[in-house]
Amino acid sequence: MDNWFKSVWFIRIISLILAGLLWVTVNVDDNMDSDSLFFNDTSSDMEVMENIPLEIRFNSEEYVVSGLPQEVSVRVEGPASTLAPVVRQKNFTVFVDLNGLGPGTHEVSLQHSGISNQLDVRIEPKTIEVTIEEKVSEDYEVNVDYINERQLSNELSLGEPKVDPSQVTITGSSSVVNRVASVKAIIDVSNTEEAVENEEAPVKVYDNQGNELNVLVDPTTVNVSVPISKRQKQVGIEIEPQGGAPEGVVVNSVTTETSEVTVYGPEDVISEIDNLPEIPIDLTEVTQDETVEVDIPVPEGVTEIDPESIEVQIDVDDENENESTSQTQ
């Protein structure tokens, strides 16, 4: 035995064995149980991954697909060391391949790629019924739809809107595009007091039941301009001469060139007005032809009148002058 310890090769062999044991000890502590170093890992785990995106492979230039879920559930089972990185990284793909299938209804199986073949994989649902239809595109006029219109002041009125571009292209399956009843740009007019200028508005597509349709719209937004003005109405006016002219003065006519004025105010007020009350013209101090300016009375509820006053022409004769002229002749 003493001779062994004196042997250089014996010392080298013992050192090599000790170094190997030290390496094994360090790696067992850091990475795995000691049993797994020497024996196969036969333990099995199971995990269920929800909300995994479903990839659809098909000719999107010619066809539209419906009936497929956006996400699926994937159950994986197998060795823990293989399963753990799959669950953690989720660097795999679940897909359905529709290439080679034409228009119609088909039952297709979901597939996966990027998962080790050491794992048992189950996808839920396993098969799906899918409908493939030919893709069609059509142009439609865009109308404007107002929301919160009740919050607009009742003294304001929306004018004719301008939409740019006035048409959009709608793309989808023929069965859905044939259901298009209206295409609208949505404008919120709550508490609006000034004209809408080039407001970007989303475009929505509806069927005749008012249901929004799932189609592609190009462009998805349009620019909308809407003039906003005070509510107004043209109404007639009449004048009413009042009081007698001074003695010796004969009034031939009392006229005005203004036959209508514009009234502004809430819709429920001005809608009831067709003519303003007669405007009184005082003749008690008229002695000669003259033009007088008369203010127009503002009816209750009306916020503004344009014009605010009118000119009235009064034509008179002087009886004394007429008698003098007659006697001279």
Protein backbone atom coordinates (compact mmCIF):
# COMPACT_ATOMS: atom_id res chain seq x y z
CA MET A 1 0.00 0.00 0.00
CA ASP A 2 2.82 2.41 0.85
CA ASN A 3 4.31 1.71 -2.51
CA TRP A 4 1.02 2.74 -4.15
CA PHE A 5 1.05 6.12 -2.51
CA LYS A 6 4.61 6.57 -3.60
CA SER A 7 3.60 5.84 -7.19
CA VAL A 8 3.07 8.93 -9.35
CA TRP A 9 0.50 7.14 -11.55
CA PHE A 10 -1.52 6.02 -8.55
CA ILE A 11 -1.74 9.61 -7.30
CA ARG A 12 -2.77 10.78 -10.77
CA ILE A 13 -5.53 8.18 -11.03
CA ILE A 14 -6.90 9.03 -7.58
CA SER A 15 -6.89 12.78 -8.46
CA LEU A 16 -8.74 12.10 -11.70
CA ILE A 17 -11.42 10.09 -9.86
CA LEU A 18 -11.86 12.82 -7.26
CA ALA A 19 -12.13 15.49 -9.96
CA GLY A 20 -14.80 13.47 -11.74
CA LEU A 21 -16.80 13.05 -8.53
CA LEU A 22 -16.57 16.79 -7.85
CA TRP A 23 -17.86 17.60 -11.35
CA VAL A 24 -20.77 15.20 -10.94
CA THR A 25 -21.67 16.71 -7.56
CA VAL A 26 -21.72 20.28 -8.89
CA ASN A 27 -23.84 19.41 -11.92
CA VAL A 28 -26.31 17.36 -9.92
CA ASP A 29 -26.90 20.29 -7.54
CA ASP A 30 -27.37 22.82 -10.33
CA ASN A 31 -29.38 20.96 -12.93
CA MET A 32 -31.02 17.71 -11.85
CA ASP A 33 -31.61 15.06 -9.27
CA SER A 34 -28.74 12.63 -8.86
CA ASP A 35 -30.90 9.74 -10.05
CA SER A 36 -31.51 11.36 -13.43
CA LEU A 37 -27.78 11.38 -14.17
CA PHE A 38 -27.59 7.67 -14.26
CA PHE A 39 -31.10 6.58 -15.13
CA ASN A 40 -33.59 7.43 -17.84
CA ASP A 41 -36.19 10.12 -16.93
CA THR A 42 -39.38 8.11 -17.06
CA SER A 43 -41.61 10.66 -15.22
CA SER A 44 -44.46 12.11 -17.29
CA ASP A 45 -46.23 15.48 -16.89
CA MET A 46 -49.31 16.96 -18.54
CA GLU A 47 -50.16 20.59 -19.31
CA VAL A 48 -53.12 22.29 -21.04
CA MET A 49 -52.41 25.54 -22.89
CA GLU A 50 -55.41 27.74 -23.60
CA ASN A 51 -55.89 30.55 -26.13
CA ILE A 52 -53.36 29.26 -28.65
CA PRO A 53 -53.75 31.19 -31.96
CA LEU A 54 -54.98 29.15 -34.91
CA GLU A 55 -53.17 29.76 -38.19
CA ILE A 56 -55.24 29.37 -41.37
CA ARG A 57 -53.43 28.38 -44.54
CA PHE A 58 -55.45 29.06 -47.69
CA ASN A 59 -55.55 31.16 -50.85
CA SER A 60 -56.68 34.48 -49.35
CA GLU A 61 -56.64 36.17 -52.77
CA GLU A 62 -59.53 34.08 -54.06
CA TYR A 63 -61.43 32.78 -51.04
CA VAL A 64 -63.02 33.81 -47.75
CA VAL A 65 -63.19 31.33 -44.87
CA SER A 66 -65.74 31.19 -42.05
CA GLY A 67 -66.46 28.82 -39.19
CA LEU A 68 -62.94 28.68 -37.75
CA PRO A 69 -62.15 29.75 -34.16
CA GLN A 70 -59.38 32.27 -33.63
CA GLU A 71 -57.90 30.29 -30.73
CA VAL A 72 -57.75 26.65 -29.62
CA SER A 73 -56.73 24.59 -26.59
CA VAL A 74 -53.64 22.35 -26.72
CA ARG A 75 -52.98 19.47 -24.28
CA VAL A 76 -49.42 18.09 -24.16
CA GLU A 77 -48.16 15.11 -22.15
CA GLY A 78 -44.73 13.56 -21.87
CA PRO A 79 -41.32 13.75 -20.16
CA ALA A 80 -41.07 16.79 -17.91
CA SER A 81 -37.71 17.85 -19.35
CA THR A 82 -39.19 17.92 -22.86
CA LEU A 83 -42.57 19.33 -21.90
CA ALA A 84 -41.38 22.28 -19.79
CA PRO A 85 -39.75 24.37 -22.57
CA VAL A 86 -42.73 23.80 -24.89
CA VAL A 87 -45.17 25.14 -22.30
CA ARG A 88 -42.90 28.00 -21.30
CA GLN A 89 -41.88 29.24 -24.76
CA LYS A 90 -44.95 28.23 -26.83
CA ASN A 91 -42.78 28.33 -29.93
CA PHE A 92 -45.01 26.00 -31.91
CA THR A 93 -47.82 26.45 -34.44
CA VAL A 94 -51.35 25.09 -34.60
CA PHE A 95 -52.78 25.36 -38.09
CA VAL A 96 -55.42 24.18 -40.51
CA ASP A 97 -54.40 23.68 -44.14
CA LEU A 98 -57.19 24.49 -46.61
CA ASN A 99 -55.04 24.63 -49.72
CA GLY A 100 -56.49 22.41 -52.37
CA LEU A 101 -60.05 22.78 -51.10
CA GLY A 102 -62.61 24.67 -53.18
CA PRO A 103 -65.83 26.50 -52.31
CA GLY A 104 -68.19 24.60 -50.05
CA THR A 105 -68.40 23.18 -46.54
CA HIS A 106 -65.58 20.89 -45.39
CA GLU A 107 -64.66 19.06 -42.19
CA VAL A 108 -60.96 19.61 -41.56
CA SER A 109 -58.48 18.43 -38.94
CA LEU A 110 -56.25 20.76 -36.94
CA GLN A 111 -52.51 20.13 -37.13
CA HIS A 112 -49.42 21.28 -35.30
CA SER A 113 -45.72 21.79 -35.95
CA GLY A 114 -42.76 22.59 -33.74
CA ILE A 115 -43.61 20.18 -30.89
CA SER A 116 -41.27 17.30 -30.07
CA ASN A 117 -42.49 13.87 -31.12
CA GLN A 118 -41.69 12.71 -27.57
CA LEU A 119 -44.86 14.47 -26.45
CA ASP A 120 -48.43 13.36 -26.90
CA VAL A 121 -50.42 16.30 -28.34
CA ARG A 122 -54.19 16.72 -28.36
CA ILE A 123 -55.88 19.78 -29.87
CA GLU A 124 -59.37 20.85 -28.87
CA PRO A 125 -61.38 20.96 -31.05
CA LYS A 126 -59.79 18.19 -33.08
CA THR A 127 -61.84 18.79 -36.23
CA ILE A 128 -63.83 21.79 -37.43
CA GLU A 129 -66.50 22.35 -40.06
CA VAL A 130 -65.35 25.20 -42.27
CA THR A 131 -67.06 27.06 -45.10
CA ILE A 132 -65.04 28.34 -48.06
CA GLU A 133 -66.57 30.96 -50.36
CA GLU A 134 -65.30 32.95 -53.29
CA LYS A 135 -64.13 36.47 -52.44
CA VAL A 136 -65.93 39.39 -54.14
CA SER A 137 -65.43 43.18 -54.02
CA GLU A 138 -67.94 45.96 -54.68
CA ASP A 139 -67.96 49.76 -54.36
CA TYR A 140 -70.57 51.48 -52.18
CA GLU A 141 -71.52 55.10 -51.47
CA VAL A 142 -70.81 56.27 -47.93
CA ASN A 143 -73.58 58.05 -46.01
CA VAL A 144 -73.12 59.93 -42.75
CA ASP A 145 -74.68 58.65 -39.53
CA TYR A 146 -74.79 61.03 -36.53
CA ILE A 147 -74.60 59.82 -32.93
CA ASN A 148 -75.58 61.86 -29.85
CA GLU A 149 -77.62 64.14 -32.12
CA ARG A 150 -79.99 64.83 -29.24
CA GLN A 151 -77.13 66.54 -27.41
CA LEU A 152 -76.84 69.07 -30.24
CA SER A 153 -78.37 72.45 -29.34
CA ASN A 154 -81.95 72.66 -30.64
CA GLU A 155 -81.08 76.07 -32.07
CA LEU A 156 -78.52 74.52 -34.44
CA SER A 157 -79.09 72.68 -37.70
CA LEU A 158 -76.82 70.20 -39.50
CA GLY A 159 -76.24 70.94 -43.17
CA GLU A 160 -75.49 68.63 -46.08
CA PRO A 161 -72.38 66.57 -45.23
CA LYS A 162 -69.44 66.09 -47.58
CA VAL A 163 -67.58 62.76 -47.54
CA ASP A 164 -64.09 62.19 -48.98
CA PRO A 165 -63.77 59.70 -50.54
CA SER A 166 -67.45 59.31 -51.24
CA GLN A 167 -67.11 55.59 -52.04
CA VAL A 168 -65.36 52.64 -50.37
CA THR A 169 -64.61 49.12 -51.57
CA ILE A 170 -66.16 46.27 -49.59
CA THR A 171 -64.63 42.82 -49.84
CA GLY A 172 -65.94 39.56 -48.42
CA SER A 173 -67.75 36.38 -49.26
CA SER A 174 -70.47 36.72 -51.86
CA SER A 175 -73.17 35.70 -49.36
CA VAL A 176 -72.16 38.49 -46.94
CA VAL A 177 -71.55 41.23 -49.52
CA ASN A 178 -75.00 40.55 -50.98
CA ARG A 179 -76.48 41.44 -47.56
CA VAL A 180 -74.97 44.94 -47.49
CA ALA A 181 -77.78 47.47 -47.02
CA SER A 182 -75.95 50.60 -45.86
CA VAL A 183 -72.43 51.94 -45.48
CA LYS A 184 -72.04 54.74 -42.96
CA ALA A 185 -69.40 57.09 -41.64
CA ILE A 186 -70.01 57.69 -37.93
CA ILE A 187 -69.82 61.28 -36.60
CA ASP A 188 -70.31 62.26 -32.94
CA VAL A 189 -72.04 65.67 -32.77
CA SER A 190 -72.51 65.88 -29.01
CA ASN A 191 -72.10 69.48 -27.78
CA THR A 192 -70.93 70.58 -31.24
CA GLU A 193 -71.26 74.31 -31.85
CA GLU A 194 -69.07 74.78 -34.92
CA ALA A 195 -68.93 73.18 -38.35
CA VAL A 196 -67.22 69.79 -38.62
CA GLU A 197 -64.14 70.15 -40.79
CA ASN A 198 -62.43 67.07 -42.32
CA GLU A 199 -63.05 64.87 -39.32
CA GLU A 200 -61.74 61.32 -39.72
CA ALA A 201 -64.65 58.93 -39.25
CA PRO A 202 -64.74 55.10 -39.14
CA VAL A 203 -66.79 53.33 -41.82
CA LYS A 204 -69.35 50.74 -40.70
CA VAL A 205 -71.28 48.29 -42.88
CA TYR A 206 -74.79 47.08 -41.98
CA ASP A 207 -77.44 44.72 -43.29
CA ASN A 208 -81.12 45.68 -43.55
CA GLN A 209 -81.67 44.58 -39.94
CA GLY A 210 -79.07 47.02 -38.66
CA ASN A 211 -76.53 44.29 -37.87
CA GLU A 212 -72.90 45.18 -38.51
CA LEU A 213 -71.30 42.92 -41.13
CA ASN A 214 -67.84 41.41 -40.87
CA VAL A 215 -66.28 42.52 -44.15
CA LEU A 216 -63.10 44.23 -45.30
CA VAL A 217 -63.50 47.96 -46.00
CA ASP A 218 -61.01 50.00 -48.02
CA PRO A 219 -60.39 52.63 -46.81
CA THR A 220 -61.50 51.97 -43.24
CA THR A 221 -61.97 55.69 -42.52
CA VAL A 222 -63.13 58.73 -44.51
CA ASN A 223 -62.96 62.49 -43.96
CA VAL A 224 -66.29 64.17 -43.23
CA SER A 225 -67.21 67.87 -43.26
CA VAL A 226 -70.60 69.03 -41.98
CA PRO A 227 -71.79 72.67 -42.01
CA ILE A 228 -73.64 73.70 -38.87
CA SER A 229 -75.92 76.74 -38.79
CA LYS A 230 -78.58 78.31 -36.61
CA ARG A 231 -82.06 76.96 -37.21
CA GLN A 232 -83.93 79.48 -39.34
CA LYS A 233 -87.10 80.03 -41.29
CA GLN A 234 -88.37 82.60 -43.78
CA VAL A 235 -91.64 84.14 -42.62
CA GLY A 236 -93.89 86.83 -44.09
CA ILE A 237 -94.47 90.28 -42.60
CA GLU A 238 -97.28 92.83 -42.99
CA ILE A 239 -97.62 96.44 -41.89
CA GLU A 240 -100.69 98.05 -40.37
CA PRO A 241 -101.16 101.84 -40.52
CA GLN A 242 -102.47 103.19 -37.22
CA GLY A 243 -103.79 106.60 -36.12
CA GLY A 244 -105.22 109.32 -38.31
CA ALA A 245 -103.04 111.70 -40.28
CA PRO A 246 -103.06 115.40 -39.28
CA GLU A 247 -105.94 117.53 -40.58
CA GLY A 248 -105.49 118.41 -44.21
CA VAL A 249 -103.17 115.44 -44.95
CA VAL A 250 -104.36 112.52 -47.04
CA VAL A 251 -102.35 109.26 -46.85
CA ASN A 252 -102.25 107.65 -50.27
CA SER A 253 -100.18 104.56 -49.41
CA VAL A 254 -98.01 102.92 -46.76
CA THR A 255 -95.70 100.31 -48.30
CA THR A 256 -92.46 98.42 -47.74
CA GLU A 257 -90.22 96.55 -50.13
CA THR A 258 -89.54 93.86 -47.50
CA SER A 259 -92.06 91.04 -47.62
CA GLU A 260 -90.16 88.39 -45.65
CA VAL A 261 -87.66 88.20 -42.81
CA THR A 262 -85.60 85.34 -41.34
CA VAL A 263 -86.32 84.16 -37.81
CA TYR A 264 -83.85 82.08 -35.76
CA GLY A 265 -84.56 79.85 -32.80
CA PRO A 266 -85.45 76.35 -31.60
CA GLU A 267 -87.16 74.11 -34.12
CA ASP A 268 -90.33 73.75 -32.03
CA VAL A 269 -90.68 77.55 -31.90
CA ILE A 270 -89.97 78.62 -35.46
CA SER A 271 -91.90 75.71 -36.98
CA GLU A 272 -95.10 77.27 -35.60
CA ILE A 273 -94.46 80.67 -37.20
CA ASP A 274 -95.60 81.39 -40.76
CA ASN A 275 -96.17 85.14 -40.50
CA LEU A 276 -95.15 87.72 -37.95
CA PRO A 277 -97.81 89.83 -36.22
CA GLU A 278 -98.72 92.99 -38.15
CA ILE A 279 -96.22 95.80 -37.60
CA PRO A 280 -97.95 99.06 -36.54
CA ILE A 281 -97.09 102.26 -38.49
CA ASP A 282 -97.98 105.50 -36.67
CA LEU A 283 -99.45 108.12 -39.04
CA THR A 284 -100.46 110.75 -36.47
CA GLU A 285 -97.51 113.04 -37.22
CA VAL A 286 -97.09 112.48 -40.95
CA THR A 287 -97.24 115.75 -42.94
CA GLN A 288 -95.35 114.85 -46.10
CA ASP A 289 -93.92 111.97 -48.08
CA GLU A 290 -91.32 110.22 -46.00
CA THR A 291 -89.49 106.93 -45.35
CA VAL A 292 -89.40 105.69 -41.77
CA GLU A 293 -87.39 102.87 -40.22
CA VAL A 294 -89.44 100.56 -38.05
CA ASP A 295 -88.09 97.89 -35.65
CA ILE A 296 -89.56 94.40 -36.06
CA PRO A 297 -90.96 92.96 -32.80
CA VAL A 298 -89.29 89.66 -31.79
CA PRO A 299 -91.83 86.90 -31.01
CA GLU A 300 -91.42 84.93 -27.79
CA GLY A 301 -88.92 82.10 -28.16
CA VAL A 302 -87.25 83.56 -31.25
CA THR A 303 -83.58 84.32 -30.62
CA GLU A 304 -82.88 86.54 -33.61
CA ILE A 305 -84.53 88.26 -36.60
CA ASP A 306 -82.82 89.34 -39.79
CA PRO A 307 -83.25 92.13 -40.69
CA GLU A 308 -84.01 93.68 -37.31
CA SER A 309 -85.83 96.64 -38.92
CA ILE A 310 -87.48 97.58 -42.21
CA GLU A 311 -88.01 100.78 -44.16
CA VAL A 312 -91.58 101.92 -44.77
CA GLN A 313 -92.51 104.44 -47.48
CA ILE A 314 -95.43 106.78 -46.69
CA ASP A 315 -96.98 108.70 -49.60
CA VAL A 316 -99.32 111.60 -48.73
CA ASP A 317 -101.23 114.52 -50.33
CA ASP A 318 -101.78 117.96 -48.78
CA GLU A 319 -105.49 118.88 -49.19
CA ASN A 320 -104.83 122.61 -48.73
CA GLU A 321 -102.31 122.63 -51.59
CA ASN A 322 -104.73 120.72 -53.77
CA GLU A 323 -107.53 123.27 -53.11
CA SER A 324 -105.21 126.21 -53.85
CA THR A 325 -104.16 124.62 -57.12
CA SER A 326 -107.76 123.98 -58.12
CA GLN A 327 -108.83 127.60 -57.41
CA THR A 328 -105.91 128.98 -59.44
CA GLN A 329 -106.89 126.90 -62.40
